Protein backbone atom coordinates (compact mmCIF):
# COMPACT_ATOMS: atom_id res chain seq x y z
CA MET A 1 0.00 0.00 0.00
CA SER A 2 1.38 3.40 -0.98
CA PRO A 3 2.11 6.04 1.67
CA LEU A 4 -0.75 8.18 0.32
CA SER A 5 -3.15 5.23 0.48
CA GLN A 6 -2.11 4.75 4.10
CA GLN A 7 -2.76 8.45 4.82
CA ILE A 8 -6.20 8.20 3.23
CA ARG A 9 -6.99 5.11 5.30
CA ALA A 10 -5.78 6.74 8.53
CA ALA A 11 -7.78 9.94 7.92
CA LEU A 12 -11.00 8.04 7.19
CA GLU A 13 -10.53 5.69 10.15
CA ALA A 14 -9.94 8.60 12.52
CA ARG A 15 -12.91 10.65 11.33
CA LEU A 16 -15.55 8.09 10.36
CA GLN A 17 -14.71 4.92 12.34
CA PRO A 18 -15.57 2.63 9.41
CA LEU A 19 -16.75 -0.92 9.86
CA GLU A 20 -15.36 -1.67 6.39
CA LEU A 21 -12.86 0.31 4.38
CA ALA A 22 -11.14 -0.29 1.06
CA VAL A 23 -8.75 2.24 -0.45
CA ILE A 24 -7.81 1.42 -4.04
CA ASP A 25 -5.08 3.35 -5.84
CA GLU A 26 -6.07 3.57 -9.51
CA SER A 27 -3.30 6.01 -10.42
CA ALA A 28 -1.47 3.57 -12.70
CA ALA A 29 -4.48 3.52 -15.02
CA HIS A 30 -4.26 7.31 -15.41
CA VAL A 31 -0.58 7.75 -16.24
CA GLY A 32 -0.23 10.35 -18.95
CA HIS A 33 -3.49 12.07 -18.04
CA ALA A 34 -2.83 15.79 -17.53
CA GLY A 35 -4.36 15.79 -14.06
CA ALA A 36 -2.21 12.85 -12.97
CA ARG A 37 0.64 15.29 -12.32
CA GLU A 38 -1.52 16.92 -9.64
CA GLY A 39 -1.94 13.72 -7.65
CA GLY A 40 -3.31 10.22 -7.63
CA HIS A 41 -6.63 8.69 -8.57
CA PHE A 42 -8.29 6.73 -5.77
CA ARG A 43 -11.46 4.72 -5.16
CA VAL A 44 -12.82 4.40 -1.63
CA ARG A 45 -15.45 1.97 -0.39
CA ILE A 46 -16.48 2.80 3.16
CA VAL A 47 -19.18 1.49 5.48
CA SER A 48 -19.83 3.58 8.58
CA GLU A 49 -22.58 3.92 11.12
CA GLN A 50 -22.12 7.69 10.71
CA PHE A 51 -23.75 7.43 7.28
CA ARG A 52 -27.05 6.09 8.63
CA GLY A 53 -29.92 8.41 7.70
CA ARG A 54 -27.73 10.65 5.53
CA SER A 55 -28.08 11.33 1.83
CA ALA A 56 -25.37 10.36 -0.66
CA LEU A 57 -24.36 14.02 -0.90
CA GLU A 58 -23.97 14.31 2.89
CA ARG A 59 -21.91 11.10 2.98
CA HIS A 60 -19.59 12.35 0.25
CA ARG A 61 -19.17 15.63 2.09
CA GLN A 62 -18.17 13.72 5.22
CA VAL A 63 -15.53 11.80 3.26
CA TYR A 64 -14.21 14.97 1.61
CA GLU A 65 -14.05 16.73 4.99
CA ALA A 66 -12.01 13.86 6.40
CA LEU A 67 -9.64 14.00 3.42
CA HIS A 68 -9.52 17.79 3.04
CA PRO A 69 -5.81 18.06 3.98
CA LEU A 70 -4.92 15.61 1.18
CA MET A 71 -7.11 17.06 -1.56
CA GLY A 72 -4.97 18.86 -4.12
CA ARG A 73 -1.88 17.70 -2.26
CA GLY A 74 -1.81 14.11 -3.34
CA ILE A 75 -5.35 13.26 -4.36
CA HIS A 76 -6.42 14.43 -7.81
CA ALA A 77 -9.51 12.27 -8.25
CA LEU A 78 -11.64 10.36 -5.77
CA ALA A 79 -14.48 7.91 -6.43
CA ILE A 80 -16.57 7.24 -3.32
CA GLU A 81 -18.94 4.43 -2.39
CA ALA A 82 -20.30 5.27 1.07
CA CYS A 83 -22.82 3.01 2.79
CA ALA A 84 -24.48 2.64 6.15
CA PRO A 85 -24.08 -0.84 7.67
CA HIS A 86 -27.60 -1.98 6.73
CA GLU A 87 -26.90 -1.07 3.07
CA SER A 88 -23.60 -2.89 2.74
CA THR A 89 -23.58 -5.91 0.43
CA SER A 90 -21.05 -7.75 2.59
CA ALA A 91 -23.06 -7.05 5.75
CA LYS A 92 -26.15 -8.50 4.06
CA GLN A 93 -24.12 -11.59 3.09
CA GLY A 94 -22.80 -12.06 6.61
CA LYS A 95 -19.19 -11.22 5.73
């Protein structure tokens, strides 16, 4: 795991206490893209009780607030899948 991926994980764990968290660095697929010089491309899948009763927009805002110090200083693009525990596929499957 890259140092930036570890920083993303640590920031989300500290702020949102996730039950599940996956941080995927997709930067290699974007080499040569003009924005790639500004930072990496990441995908985050996060399940947190703090998302219960919140809209998708509110959940994304919570993630962006947690990662604010890294935005523009390492993260160029971020794809977010944010779920409450009762919405998580793995929780429904007993994983």
